[in-house]
Amino acid sequence: MTITEPGTPRRGNPVGIASLAFGILLLLAGLGAQTLSPALPFLLERTGMSYQAIPFLFGIPQAVIATIATALGVVGLLLRDRARVPAIIGTTLGASHLIVSLVGSFGGVLVAAALG
């Protein structure tokens, strides 16, 4: 086992940086979804799709990106003697989005069950 000397610079963490990149992409995807949401009735009417298509258009791609960001972040955290900050940020962005989307999905199911 090698112990790094104090003051020794850590090497770069390409997996952590990839996790951070996917986390930023996730934020941009969420921003894009929020920006398009006022236009959804018009877009759905114009394309002939129903409102049931909304989770497939926005939810599933974002969940995939969040899973990738989380997985890469965990791998980046497990690498020894590497910078951890990008991996921590990417993991946090991905995992928090996954938690929010799961709570949102179950919340919608619970509301539908209570109203139906």
PDB file of N, CA and C in Angstrom:
ATOM      1  N   MET A   1       0.846  -1.160   0.000  1.00  0.00           N
ATOM      2  CA  MET A   1       0.000   0.000   0.000  1.00  0.00           C
ATOM      3  C   MET A   1       0.894   1.226   0.000  1.00  0.00           C
ATOM      4  N   THR A   2       0.624   2.131  -0.904  1.00  0.00           N
ATOM      5  CA  THR A   2       1.425   3.324  -1.037  1.00  0.00           C
ATOM      6  C   THR A   2       0.715   4.487  -0.365  1.00  0.00           C
ATOM      7  N   ILE A   3       1.437   5.195   0.450  1.00  0.00           N
ATOM      8  CA  ILE A   3       0.877   6.378   1.098  1.00  0.00           C
ATOM      9  C   ILE A   3       1.467   7.588   0.397  1.00  0.00           C
ATOM     10  N   THR A   4       0.598   8.483  -0.019  1.00  0.00           N
ATOM     11  CA  THR A   4       1.091   9.674  -0.708  1.00  0.00           C
ATOM     12  C   THR A   4       1.635  10.659   0.309  1.00  0.00           C
ATOM     13  N   GLU A   5       2.653  11.341  -0.087  1.00  0.00           N
ATOM     14  CA  GLU A   5       3.262  12.350   0.762  1.00  0.00           C
ATOM     15  C   GLU A   5       2.346  13.576   0.817  1.00  0.00           C
ATOM     16  N   PRO A   6       2.317  14.258   1.954  1.00  0.00           N
ATOM     17  CA  PRO A   6       1.522  15.494   2.015  1.00  0.00           C
ATOM     18  C   PRO A   6       2.049  16.502   1.004  1.00  0.00           C
ATOM     19  N   GLY A   7       1.151  17.158   0.343  1.00  0.00           N
ATOM     20  CA  GLY A   7       1.539  18.143  -0.654  1.00  0.00           C
ATOM     21  C   GLY A   7       1.777  17.560  -2.027  1.00  0.00           C
ATOM     22  N   THR A   8       1.684  16.232  -2.154  1.00  0.00           N
ATOM     23  CA  THR A   8       1.843  15.604  -3.461  1.00  0.00           C
ATOM     24  C   THR A   8       0.561  15.849  -4.264  1.00  0.00           C
ATOM     25  N   PRO A   9       0.678  16.419  -5.449  1.00  0.00           N
ATOM     26  CA  PRO A   9      -0.536  16.677  -6.222  1.00  0.00           C
ATOM     27  C   PRO A   9      -1.178  15.373  -6.686  1.00  0.00           C
ATOM     28  N   ARG A  10      -2.492  15.358  -6.613  1.00  0.00           N
ATOM     29  CA  ARG A  10      -3.211  14.181  -7.099  1.00  0.00           C
ATOM     30  C   ARG A  10      -3.279  14.225  -8.615  1.00  0.00           C
ATOM     31  N   ARG A  11      -3.365  13.046  -9.188  1.00  0.00           N
ATOM     32  CA  ARG A  11      -3.488  12.959 -10.638  1.00  0.00           C
ATOM     33  C   ARG A  11      -4.928  13.264 -11.037  1.00  0.00           C
ATOM     34  N   GLY A  12      -5.130  13.546 -12.298  1.00  0.00           N
ATOM     35  CA  GLY A  12      -6.465  13.826 -12.803  1.00  0.00           C
ATOM     36  C   GLY A  12      -7.358  12.594 -12.705  1.00  0.00           C
ATOM     37  N   ASN A  13      -8.635  12.822 -12.788  1.00  0.00           N
ATOM     38  CA  ASN A  13      -9.602  11.742 -12.675  1.00  0.00           C
ATOM     39  C   ASN A  13     -10.542  11.804 -13.879  1.00  0.00           C
ATOM     40  N   PRO A  14     -10.192  11.158 -14.992  1.00  0.00           N
ATOM     41  CA  PRO A  14     -11.034  11.254 -16.190  1.00  0.00           C
ATOM     42  C   PRO A  14     -12.433  10.679 -15.984  1.00  0.00           C
ATOM     43  N   VAL A  15     -12.564   9.656 -15.152  1.00  0.00           N
ATOM     44  CA  VAL A  15     -13.887   9.081 -14.899  1.00  0.00           C
ATOM     45  C   VAL A  15     -14.723  10.065 -14.091  1.00  0.00           C
ATOM     46  N   GLY A  16     -14.098  10.736 -13.118  1.00  0.00           N
ATOM     47  CA  GLY A  16     -14.804  11.751 -12.344  1.00  0.00           C
ATOM     48  C   GLY A  16     -15.216  12.931 -13.207  1.00  0.00           C
ATOM     49  N   ILE A  17     -14.357  13.316 -14.132  1.00  0.00           N
ATOM     50  CA  ILE A  17     -14.689  14.411 -15.040  1.00  0.00           C
ATOM     51  C   ILE A  17     -15.825  14.006 -15.972  1.00  0.00           C
ATOM     52  N   ALA A  18     -15.836  12.756 -16.413  1.00  0.00           N
ATOM     53  CA  ALA A  18     -16.952  12.273 -17.239  1.00  0.00           C
ATOM     54  C   ALA A  18     -18.251  12.283 -16.437  1.00  0.00           C
ATOM     55  N   SER A  19     -18.178  11.908 -15.167  1.00  0.00           N
ATOM     56  CA  SER A  19     -19.349  11.959 -14.301  1.00  0.00           C
ATOM     57  C   SER A  19     -19.848  13.392 -14.160  1.00  0.00           C
ATOM     58  N   LEU A  20     -18.939  14.316 -13.968  1.00  0.00           N
ATOM     59  CA  LEU A  20     -19.303  15.728 -13.878  1.00  0.00           C
ATOM     60  C   LEU A  20     -19.939  16.211 -15.180  1.00  0.00           C
ATOM     61  N   ALA A  21     -19.377  15.781 -16.315  1.00  0.00           N
ATOM     62  CA  ALA A  21     -19.933  16.172 -17.616  1.00  0.00           C
ATOM     63  C   ALA A  21     -21.362  15.651 -17.779  1.00  0.00           C
ATOM     64  N   PHE A  22     -21.607  14.403 -17.378  1.00  0.00           N
ATOM     65  CA  PHE A  22     -22.962  13.867 -17.462  1.00  0.00           C
ATOM     66  C   PHE A  22     -23.890  14.573 -16.470  1.00  0.00           C
ATOM     67  N   GLY A  23     -23.368  14.974 -15.314  1.00  0.00           N
ATOM     68  CA  GLY A  23     -24.170  15.740 -14.361  1.00  0.00           C
ATOM     69  C   GLY A  23     -24.580  17.089 -14.929  1.00  0.00           C
ATOM     70  N   ILE A  24     -23.644  17.755 -15.602  1.00  0.00           N
ATOM     71  CA  ILE A  24     -23.959  19.033 -16.242  1.00  0.00           C
ATOM     72  C   ILE A  24     -24.945  18.819 -17.381  1.00  0.00           C
ATOM     73  N   LEU A  25     -24.766  17.758 -18.158  1.00  0.00           N
ATOM     74  CA  LEU A  25     -25.713  17.426 -19.223  1.00  0.00           C
ATOM     75  C   LEU A  25     -27.109  17.178 -18.639  1.00  0.00           C
ATOM     76  N   LEU A  26     -27.164  16.548 -17.490  1.00  0.00           N
ATOM     77  CA  LEU A  26     -28.428  16.301 -16.806  1.00  0.00           C
ATOM     78  C   LEU A  26     -29.096  17.614 -16.405  1.00  0.00           C
ATOM     79  N   LEU A  27     -28.318  18.543 -15.883  1.00  0.00           N
ATOM     80  CA  LEU A  27     -28.872  19.853 -15.546  1.00  0.00           C
ATOM     81  C   LEU A  27     -29.410  20.570 -16.784  1.00  0.00           C
ATOM     82  N   LEU A  28     -28.683  20.494 -17.883  1.00  0.00           N
ATOM     83  CA  LEU A  28     -29.134  21.125 -19.125  1.00  0.00           C
ATOM     84  C   LEU A  28     -30.384  20.442 -19.667  1.00  0.00           C
ATOM     85  N   ALA A  29     -30.466  19.122 -19.540  1.00  0.00           N
ATOM     86  CA  ALA A  29     -31.659  18.403 -19.987  1.00  0.00           C
ATOM     87  C   ALA A  29     -32.871  18.795 -19.149  1.00  0.00           C
ATOM     88  N   GLY A  30     -32.677  18.948 -17.844  1.00  0.00           N
ATOM     89  CA  GLY A  30     -33.768  19.393 -16.977  1.00  0.00           C
ATOM     90  C   GLY A  30     -34.207  20.802 -17.309  1.00  0.00           C
ATOM     91  N   LEU A  31     -33.246  21.667 -17.586  1.00  0.00           N
ATOM     92  CA  LEU A  31     -33.565  23.032 -17.975  1.00  0.00           C
ATOM     93  C   LEU A  31     -34.326  23.052 -19.303  1.00  0.00           C
ATOM     94  N   GLY A  32     -33.900  22.223 -20.234  1.00  0.00           N
ATOM     95  CA  GLY A  32     -34.607  22.133 -21.513  1.00  0.00           C
ATOM     96  C   GLY A  32     -36.026  21.613 -21.355  1.00  0.00           C
ATOM     97  N   ALA A  33     -36.215  20.633 -20.488  1.00  0.00           N
ATOM     98  CA  ALA A  33     -37.552  20.098 -20.250  1.00  0.00           C
ATOM     99  C   ALA A  33     -38.458  21.153 -19.628  1.00  0.00           C
ATOM    100  N   GLN A  34     -37.908  21.925 -18.682  1.00  0.00           N
ATOM    101  CA  GLN A  34     -38.698  22.982 -18.057  1.00  0.00           C
ATOM    102  C   GLN A  34     -39.015  24.090 -19.054  1.00  0.00           C
ATOM    103  N   THR A  35     -38.098  24.354 -19.951  1.00  0.00           N
ATOM    104  CA  THR A  35     -38.321  25.390 -20.954  1.00  0.00           C
ATOM    105  C   THR A  35     -39.396  24.964 -21.955  1.00  0.00           C
ATOM    106  N   LEU A  36     -39.413  23.690 -22.303  1.00  0.00           N
ATOM    107  CA  LEU A  36     -40.391  23.196 -23.275  1.00  0.00           C
ATOM    108  C   LEU A  36     -41.763  22.904 -22.673  1.00  0.00           C
ATOM    109  N   SER A  37     -41.858  22.818 -21.363  1.00  0.00           N
ATOM    110  CA  SER A  37     -43.128  22.405 -20.752  1.00  0.00           C
ATOM    111  C   SER A  37     -44.305  23.313 -21.084  1.00  0.00           C
ATOM    112  N   PRO A  38     -44.157  24.652 -21.190  1.00  0.00           N
ATOM    113  CA  PRO A  38     -45.328  25.445 -21.588  1.00  0.00           C
ATOM    114  C   PRO A  38     -45.813  25.150 -23.011  1.00  0.00           C
ATOM    115  N   ALA A  39     -44.920  24.683 -23.853  1.00  0.00           N
ATOM    116  CA  ALA A  39     -45.285  24.405 -25.242  1.00  0.00           C
ATOM    117  C   ALA A  39     -45.778  22.975 -25.445  1.00  0.00           C
ATOM    118  N   LEU A  40     -45.797  22.156 -24.389  1.00  0.00           N
ATOM    119  CA  LEU A  40     -46.178  20.751 -24.543  1.00  0.00           C
ATOM    120  C   LEU A  40     -47.579  20.543 -25.111  1.00  0.00           C
ATOM    121  N   PRO A  41     -48.605  21.255 -24.641  1.00  0.00           N
ATOM    122  CA  PRO A  41     -49.928  21.019 -25.244  1.00  0.00           C
ATOM    123  C   PRO A  41     -49.933  21.255 -26.755  1.00  0.00           C
ATOM    124  N   PHE A  42     -49.291  22.316 -27.192  1.00  0.00           N
ATOM    125  CA  PHE A  42     -49.216  22.604 -28.618  1.00  0.00           C
ATOM    126  C   PHE A  42     -48.436  21.524 -29.358  1.00  0.00           C
ATOM    127  N   LEU A  43     -47.287  21.130 -28.808  1.00  0.00           N
ATOM    128  CA  LEU A  43     -46.459  20.117 -29.472  1.00  0.00           C
ATOM    129  C   LEU A  43     -47.153  18.755 -29.529  1.00  0.00           C
ATOM    130  N   LEU A  44     -47.823  18.382 -28.460  1.00  0.00           N
ATOM    131  CA  LEU A  44     -48.515  17.095 -28.447  1.00  0.00           C
ATOM    132  C   LEU A  44     -49.694  17.088 -29.407  1.00  0.00           C
ATOM    133  N   GLU A  45     -50.417  18.198 -29.478  1.00  0.00           N
ATOM    134  CA  GLU A  45     -51.540  18.281 -30.423  1.00  0.00           C
ATOM    135  C   GLU A  45     -51.052  18.241 -31.862  1.00  0.00           C
ATOM    136  N   ARG A  46     -49.968  18.936 -32.101  1.00  0.00           N
ATOM    137  CA  ARG A  46     -49.419  19.012 -33.458  1.00  0.00           C
ATOM    138  C   ARG A  46     -48.884  17.658 -33.936  1.00  0.00           C
ATOM    139  N   THR A  47     -48.288  16.882 -33.023  1.00  0.00           N
ATOM    140  CA  THR A  47     -47.721  15.592 -33.404  1.00  0.00           C
ATOM    141  C   THR A  47     -48.708  14.442 -33.237  1.00  0.00           C
ATOM    142  N   GLY A  48     -49.831  14.703 -32.577  1.00  0.00           N
ATOM    143  CA  GLY A  48     -50.827  13.648 -32.386  1.00  0.00           C
ATOM    144  C   GLY A  48     -50.512  12.694 -31.249  1.00  0.00           C
ATOM    145  N   MET A  49     -49.560  13.050 -30.392  1.00  0.00           N
ATOM    146  CA  MET A  49     -49.219  12.187 -29.256  1.00  0.00           C
ATOM    147  C   MET A  49     -50.106  12.542 -28.064  1.00  0.00           C
ATOM    148  N   SER A  50     -50.226  11.598 -27.137  1.00  0.00           N
ATOM    149  CA  SER A  50     -50.996  11.854 -25.924  1.00  0.00           C
ATOM    150  C   SER A  50     -50.061  12.301 -24.803  1.00  0.00           C
ATOM    151  N   TYR A  51     -50.658  12.720 -23.707  1.00  0.00           N
ATOM    152  CA  TYR A  51     -49.864  13.144 -22.552  1.00  0.00           C
ATOM    153  C   TYR A  51     -49.115  11.979 -21.916  1.00  0.00           C
ATOM    154  N   GLN A  52     -49.502  10.775 -22.236  1.00  0.00           N
ATOM    155  CA  GLN A  52     -48.806   9.610 -21.699  1.00  0.00           C
ATOM    156  C   GLN A  52     -47.399   9.476 -22.265  1.00  0.00           C
ATOM    157  N   ALA A  53     -47.096  10.209 -23.319  1.00  0.00           N
ATOM    158  CA  ALA A  53     -45.765  10.156 -23.929  1.00  0.00           C
ATOM    159  C   ALA A  53     -44.748  11.032 -23.203  1.00  0.00           C
ATOM    160  N   ILE A  54     -45.220  11.923 -22.328  1.00  0.00           N
ATOM    161  CA  ILE A  54     -44.318  12.866 -21.668  1.00  0.00           C
ATOM    162  C   ILE A  54     -43.232  12.165 -20.848  1.00  0.00           C
ATOM    163  N   PRO A  55     -43.560  11.141 -20.034  1.00  0.00           N
ATOM    164  CA  PRO A  55     -42.465  10.475 -19.304  1.00  0.00           C
ATOM    165  C   PRO A  55     -41.424   9.848 -20.224  1.00  0.00           C
ATOM    166  N   PHE A  56     -41.853   9.372 -21.384  1.00  0.00           N
ATOM    167  CA  PHE A  56     -40.906   8.759 -22.315  1.00  0.00           C
ATOM    168  C   PHE A  56     -40.041   9.812 -22.999  1.00  0.00           C
ATOM    169  N   LEU A  57     -40.598  11.006 -23.187  1.00  0.00           N
ATOM    170  CA  LEU A  57     -39.839  12.069 -23.838  1.00  0.00           C
ATOM    171  C   LEU A  57     -38.829  12.721 -22.906  1.00  0.00           C
ATOM    172  N   PHE A  58     -39.199  12.877 -21.642  1.00  0.00           N
ATOM    173  CA  PHE A  58     -38.346  13.611 -20.719  1.00  0.00           C
ATOM    174  C   PHE A  58     -37.796  12.745 -19.592  1.00  0.00           C
ATOM    175  N   GLY A  59     -38.618  11.921 -18.995  1.00  0.00           N
ATOM    176  CA  GLY A  59     -38.219  11.183 -17.798  1.00  0.00           C
ATOM    177  C   GLY A  59     -37.192  10.102 -18.039  1.00  0.00           C
ATOM    178  N   ILE A  60     -37.427   9.268 -19.010  1.00  0.00           N
ATOM    179  CA  ILE A  60     -36.533   8.133 -19.236  1.00  0.00           C
ATOM    180  C   ILE A  60     -35.142   8.567 -19.709  1.00  0.00           C
ATOM    181  N   PRO A  61     -35.027   9.484 -20.675  1.00  0.00           N
ATOM    182  CA  PRO A  61     -33.664   9.915 -21.050  1.00  0.00           C
ATOM    183  C   PRO A  61     -32.904  10.557 -19.888  1.00  0.00           C
ATOM    184  N   GLN A  62     -33.592  11.349 -19.074  1.00  0.00           N
ATOM    185  CA  GLN A  62     -32.928  11.965 -17.938  1.00  0.00           C
ATOM    186  C   GLN A  62     -32.532  10.922 -16.898  1.00  0.00           C
ATOM    187  N   ALA A  63     -33.361   9.904 -16.708  1.00  0.00           N
ATOM    188  CA  ALA A  63     -33.016   8.841 -15.760  1.00  0.00           C
ATOM    189  C   ALA A  63     -31.788   8.063 -16.235  1.00  0.00           C
ATOM    190  N   VAL A  64     -31.674   7.856 -17.532  1.00  0.00           N
ATOM    191  CA  VAL A  64     -30.500   7.159 -18.079  1.00  0.00           C
ATOM    192  C   VAL A  64     -29.240   8.002 -17.868  1.00  0.00           C
ATOM    193  N   ILE A  65     -29.336   9.301 -18.146  1.00  0.00           N
ATOM    194  CA  ILE A  65     -28.186  10.189 -17.943  1.00  0.00           C
ATOM    195  C   ILE A  65     -27.806  10.234 -16.465  1.00  0.00           C
ATOM    196  N   ALA A  66     -28.818  10.278 -15.582  1.00  0.00           N
ATOM    197  CA  ALA A  66     -28.552  10.316 -14.143  1.00  0.00           C
ATOM    198  C   ALA A  66     -27.884   9.025 -13.669  1.00  0.00           C
ATOM    199  N   THR A  67     -28.308   7.898 -14.211  1.00  0.00           N
ATOM    200  CA  THR A  67     -27.694   6.622 -13.845  1.00  0.00           C
ATOM    201  C   THR A  67     -26.236   6.573 -14.294  1.00  0.00           C
ATOM    202  N   ILE A  68     -25.962   7.055 -15.487  1.00  0.00           N
ATOM    203  CA  ILE A  68     -24.586   7.083 -15.993  1.00  0.00           C
ATOM    204  C   ILE A  68     -23.727   8.004 -15.133  1.00  0.00           C
ATOM    205  N   ALA A  69     -24.250   9.189 -14.798  1.00  0.00           N
ATOM    206  CA  ALA A  69     -23.494  10.132 -13.970  1.00  0.00           C
ATOM    207  C   ALA A  69     -23.193   9.538 -12.603  1.00  0.00           C
ATOM    208  N   THR A  70     -24.179   8.860 -12.014  1.00  0.00           N
ATOM    209  CA  THR A  70     -23.990   8.256 -10.697  1.00  0.00           C
ATOM    210  C   THR A  70     -22.972   7.124 -10.756  1.00  0.00           C
ATOM    211  N   ALA A  71     -23.103   6.254 -11.734  1.00  0.00           N
ATOM    212  CA  ALA A  71     -22.191   5.110 -11.849  1.00  0.00           C
ATOM    213  C   ALA A  71     -20.749   5.573 -12.102  1.00  0.00           C
ATOM    214  N   LEU A  72     -20.572   6.512 -13.023  1.00  0.00           N
ATOM    215  CA  LEU A  72     -19.225   7.015 -13.288  1.00  0.00           C
ATOM    216  C   LEU A  72     -18.656   7.725 -12.061  1.00  0.00           C
ATOM    217  N   GLY A  73     -19.512   8.437 -11.342  1.00  0.00           N
ATOM    218  CA  GLY A  73     -19.053   9.119 -10.143  1.00  0.00           C
ATOM    219  C   GLY A  73     -18.576   8.154  -9.071  1.00  0.00           C
ATOM    220  N   VAL A  74     -19.304   7.066  -8.887  1.00  0.00           N
ATOM    221  CA  VAL A  74     -18.903   6.063  -7.894  1.00  0.00           C
ATOM    222  C   VAL A  74     -17.577   5.427  -8.307  1.00  0.00           C
ATOM    223  N   VAL A  75     -17.444   5.108  -9.582  1.00  0.00           N
ATOM    224  CA  VAL A  75     -16.171   4.542 -10.061  1.00  0.00           C
ATOM    225  C   VAL A  75     -15.045   5.555  -9.866  1.00  0.00           C
ATOM    226  N   GLY A  76     -15.315   6.826 -10.161  1.00  0.00           N
ATOM    227  CA  GLY A  76     -14.308   7.864  -9.973  1.00  0.00           C
ATOM    228  C   GLY A  76     -13.906   8.037  -8.520  1.00  0.00           C
ATOM    229  N   LEU A  77     -14.853   7.817  -7.609  1.00  0.00           N
ATOM    230  CA  LEU A  77     -14.533   7.907  -6.183  1.00  0.00           C
ATOM    231  C   LEU A  77     -13.701   6.726  -5.709  1.00  0.00           C
ATOM    232  N   LEU A  78     -13.853   5.600  -6.360  1.00  0.00           N
ATOM    233  CA  LEU A  78     -13.121   4.401  -5.945  1.00  0.00           C
ATOM    234  C   LEU A  78     -11.683   4.368  -6.452  1.00  0.00           C
ATOM    235  N   LEU A  79     -11.365   5.202  -7.424  1.00  0.00           N
ATOM    236  CA  LEU A  79      -9.987   5.253  -7.933  1.00  0.00           C
ATOM    237  C   LEU A  79      -9.082   5.880  -6.881  1.00  0.00           C
ATOM    238  N   ARG A  80      -7.937   5.260  -6.682  1.00  0.00           N
ATOM    239  CA  ARG A  80      -7.016   5.743  -5.648  1.00  0.00           C
ATOM    240  C   ARG A  80      -6.143   6.861  -6.178  1.00  0.00           C
ATOM    241  N   ASP A  81      -5.812   7.769  -5.290  1.00  0.00           N
ATOM    242  CA  ASP A  81      -4.905   8.881  -5.582  1.00  0.00           C
ATOM    243  C   ASP A  81      -5.353   9.707  -6.777  1.00  0.00           C
ATOM    244  N   ARG A  82      -6.626   9.932  -6.858  1.00  0.00           N
ATOM    245  CA  ARG A  82      -7.189  10.751  -7.932  1.00  0.00           C
ATOM    246  C   ARG A  82      -7.992  11.887  -7.311  1.00  0.00           C
ATOM    247  N   ALA A  83      -8.149  12.942  -8.063  1.00  0.00           N
ATOM    248  CA  ALA A  83      -8.967  14.064  -7.599  1.00  0.00           C
ATOM    249  C   ALA A  83     -10.411  13.581  -7.445  1.00  0.00           C
ATOM    250  N   ARG A  84     -11.021  13.908  -6.334  1.00  0.00           N
ATOM    251  CA  ARG A  84     -12.352  13.398  -6.030  1.00  0.00           C
ATOM    252  C   ARG A  84     -13.466  14.410  -6.270  1.00  0.00           C
ATOM    253  N   VAL A  85     -13.160  15.680  -6.351  1.00  0.00           N
ATOM    254  CA  VAL A  85     -14.213  16.699  -6.425  1.00  0.00           C
ATOM    255  C   VAL A  85     -15.116  16.515  -7.647  1.00  0.00           C
ATOM    256  N   PRO A  86     -14.587  16.317  -8.853  1.00  0.00           N
ATOM    257  CA  PRO A  86     -15.498  16.123  -9.986  1.00  0.00           C
ATOM    258  C   PRO A  86     -16.388  14.891  -9.810  1.00  0.00           C
ATOM    259  N   ALA A  87     -15.834  13.825  -9.255  1.00  0.00           N
ATOM    260  CA  ALA A  87     -16.614  12.600  -9.040  1.00  0.00           C
ATOM    261  C   ALA A  87     -17.696  12.825  -7.989  1.00  0.00           C
ATOM    262  N   ILE A  88     -17.373  13.579  -6.954  1.00  0.00           N
ATOM    263  CA  ILE A  88     -18.370  13.868  -5.922  1.00  0.00           C
ATOM    264  C   ILE A  88     -19.518  14.687  -6.501  1.00  0.00           C
ATOM    265  N   ILE A  89     -19.196  15.702  -7.285  1.00  0.00           N
ATOM    266  CA  ILE A  89     -20.238  16.550  -7.869  1.00  0.00           C
ATOM    267  C   ILE A  89     -21.088  15.745  -8.848  1.00  0.00           C
ATOM    268  N   GLY A  90     -20.462  14.959  -9.720  1.00  0.00           N
ATOM    269  CA  GLY A  90     -21.215  14.145 -10.677  1.00  0.00           C
ATOM    270  C   GLY A  90     -22.100  13.123  -9.991  1.00  0.00           C
ATOM    271  N   THR A  91     -21.581  12.471  -8.953  1.00  0.00           N
ATOM    272  CA  THR A  91     -22.373  11.494  -8.201  1.00  0.00           C
ATOM    273  C   THR A  91     -23.560  12.171  -7.529  1.00  0.00           C
ATOM    274  N   THR A  92     -23.319  13.327  -6.938  1.00  0.00           N
ATOM    275  CA  THR A  92     -24.386  14.045  -6.251  1.00  0.00           C
ATOM    276  C   THR A  92     -25.478  14.482  -7.218  1.00  0.00           C
ATOM    277  N   LEU A  93     -25.091  15.031  -8.349  1.00  0.00           N
ATOM    278  CA  LEU A  93     -26.093  15.459  -9.332  1.00  0.00           C
ATOM    279  C   LEU A  93     -26.910  14.273  -9.847  1.00  0.00           C
ATOM    280  N   GLY A  94     -26.233  13.190 -10.183  1.00  0.00           N
ATOM    281  CA  GLY A  94     -26.933  12.022 -10.717  1.00  0.00           C
ATOM    282  C   GLY A  94     -27.827  11.360  -9.690  1.00  0.00           C
ATOM    283  N   ALA A  95     -27.305  11.133  -8.484  1.00  0.00           N
ATOM    284  CA  ALA A  95     -28.084  10.447  -7.453  1.00  0.00           C
ATOM    285  C   ALA A  95     -29.271  11.290  -7.003  1.00  0.00           C
ATOM    286  N   SER A  96     -29.068  12.596  -6.853  1.00  0.00           N
ATOM    287  CA  SER A  96     -30.190  13.437  -6.419  1.00  0.00           C
ATOM    288  C   SER A  96     -31.288  13.453  -7.475  1.00  0.00           C
ATOM    289  N   HIS A  97     -30.906  13.467  -8.744  1.00  0.00           N
ATOM    290  CA  HIS A  97     -31.924  13.435  -9.793  1.00  0.00           C
ATOM    291  C   HIS A  97     -32.663  12.098  -9.802  1.00  0.00           C
ATOM    292  N   LEU A  98     -31.945  11.014  -9.584  1.00  0.00           N
ATOM    293  CA  LEU A  98     -32.610   9.707  -9.515  1.00  0.00           C
ATOM    294  C   LEU A  98     -33.596   9.645  -8.357  1.00  0.00           C
ATOM    295  N   ILE A  99     -33.208  10.166  -7.204  1.00  0.00           N
ATOM    296  CA  ILE A  99     -34.097  10.152  -6.041  1.00  0.00           C
ATOM    297  C   ILE A  99     -35.336  10.997  -6.310  1.00  0.00           C
ATOM    298  N   VAL A 100     -35.143  12.180  -6.852  1.00  0.00           N
ATOM    299  CA  VAL A 100     -36.276  13.058  -7.135  1.00  0.00           C
ATOM    300  C   VAL A 100     -37.201  12.428  -8.180  1.00  0.00           C
ATOM    301  N   SER A 101     -36.643  11.802  -9.195  1.00  0.00           N
ATOM    302  CA  SER A 101     -37.494  11.191 -10.227  1.00  0.00           C
ATOM    303  C   SER A 101     -38.243   9.979  -9.679  1.00  0.00           C
ATOM    304  N   LEU A 102     -37.609   9.200  -8.791  1.00  0.00           N
ATOM    305  CA  LEU A 102     -38.318   8.067  -8.186  1.00  0.00           C
ATOM    306  C   LEU A 102     -39.447   8.539  -7.283  1.00  0.00           C
ATOM    307  N   VAL A 103     -39.189   9.545  -6.461  1.00  0.00           N
ATOM    308  CA  VAL A 103     -40.233  10.084  -5.596  1.00  0.00           C
ATOM    309  C   VAL A 103     -41.349  10.680  -6.439  1.00  0.00           C
ATOM    310  N   GLY A 104     -40.982  11.377  -7.509  1.00  0.00           N
ATOM    311  CA  GLY A 104     -41.990  11.952  -8.401  1.00  0.00           C
ATOM    312  C   GLY A 104     -42.825  10.887  -9.086  1.00  0.00           C
ATOM    313  N   SER A 105     -42.193   9.802  -9.493  1.00  0.00           N
ATOM    314  CA  SER A 105     -42.935   8.718 -10.153  1.00  0.00           C
ATOM    315  C   SER A 105     -43.901   8.054  -9.188  1.00  0.00           C
ATOM    316  N   PHE A 106     -43.406   7.739  -7.984  1.00  0.00           N
ATOM    317  CA  PHE A 106     -44.284   7.102  -7.010  1.00  0.00           C
ATOM    318  C   PHE A 106     -45.341   8.070  -6.508  1.00  0.00           C
ATOM    319  N   GLY A 107     -44.998   9.346  -6.423  1.00  0.00           N
ATOM    320  CA  GLY A 107     -45.978  10.346  -6.005  1.00  0.00           C
ATOM    321  C   GLY A 107     -47.120  10.444  -6.999  1.00  0.00           C
ATOM    322  N   GLY A 108     -46.790  10.410  -8.281  1.00  0.00           N
ATOM    323  CA  GLY A 108     -47.833  10.435  -9.312  1.00  0.00           C
ATOM    324  C   GLY A 108     -48.718   9.208  -9.247  1.00  0.00           C
ATOM    325  N   VAL A 109     -48.118   8.054  -8.996  1.00  0.00           N
ATOM    326  CA  VAL A 109     -48.896   6.818  -8.872  1.00  0.00           C
ATOM    327  C   VAL A 109     -49.810   6.885  -7.655  1.00  0.00           C
ATOM    328  N   LEU A 110     -49.290   7.412  -6.543  1.00  0.00           N
ATOM    329  CA  LEU A 110     -50.113   7.515  -5.332  1.00  0.00           C
ATOM    330  C   LEU A 110     -51.263   8.483  -5.516  1.00  0.00           C
ATOM    331  N   VAL A 111     -51.020   9.609  -6.172  1.00  0.00           N
ATOM    332  CA  VAL A 111     -52.096  10.566  -6.425  1.00  0.00           C
ATOM    333  C   VAL A 111     -53.134   9.964  -7.363  1.00  0.00           C
ATOM    334  N   ALA A 112     -52.681   9.277  -8.391  1.00  0.00           N
ATOM    335  CA  ALA A 112     -53.627   8.646  -9.324  1.00  0.00           C
ATOM    336  C   ALA A 112     -54.458   7.572  -8.612  1.00  0.00           C
ATOM    337  N   ALA A 113     -53.835   6.825  -7.719  1.00  0.00           N
ATOM    338  CA  ALA A 113     -54.574   5.806  -6.980  1.00  0.00           C
ATOM    339  C   ALA A 113     -55.577   6.430  -6.023  1.00  0.00           C
ATOM    340  N   ALA A 114     -55.199   7.553  -5.407  1.00  0.00           N
ATOM    341  CA  ALA A 114     -56.114   8.209  -4.472  1.00  0.00           C
ATOM    342  C   ALA A 114     -57.286   8.854  -5.192  1.00  0.00           C
ATOM    343  N   LEU A 115     -57.061   9.366  -6.383  1.00  0.00           N
ATOM    344  CA  LEU A 115     -58.130  10.024  -7.136  1.00  0.00           C
ATOM    345  C   LEU A 115     -58.962   9.041  -7.940  1.00  0.00           C
ATOM    346  N   GLY A 116     -58.392   7.897  -8.249  1.00  0.00           N
ATOM    347  CA  GLY A 116     -59.051   6.969  -9.169  1.00  0.00           C
ATOM    348  C   GLY A 116     -59.858   5.973  -8.468  1.00  0.00           C
TER     349      GLY A 116
END
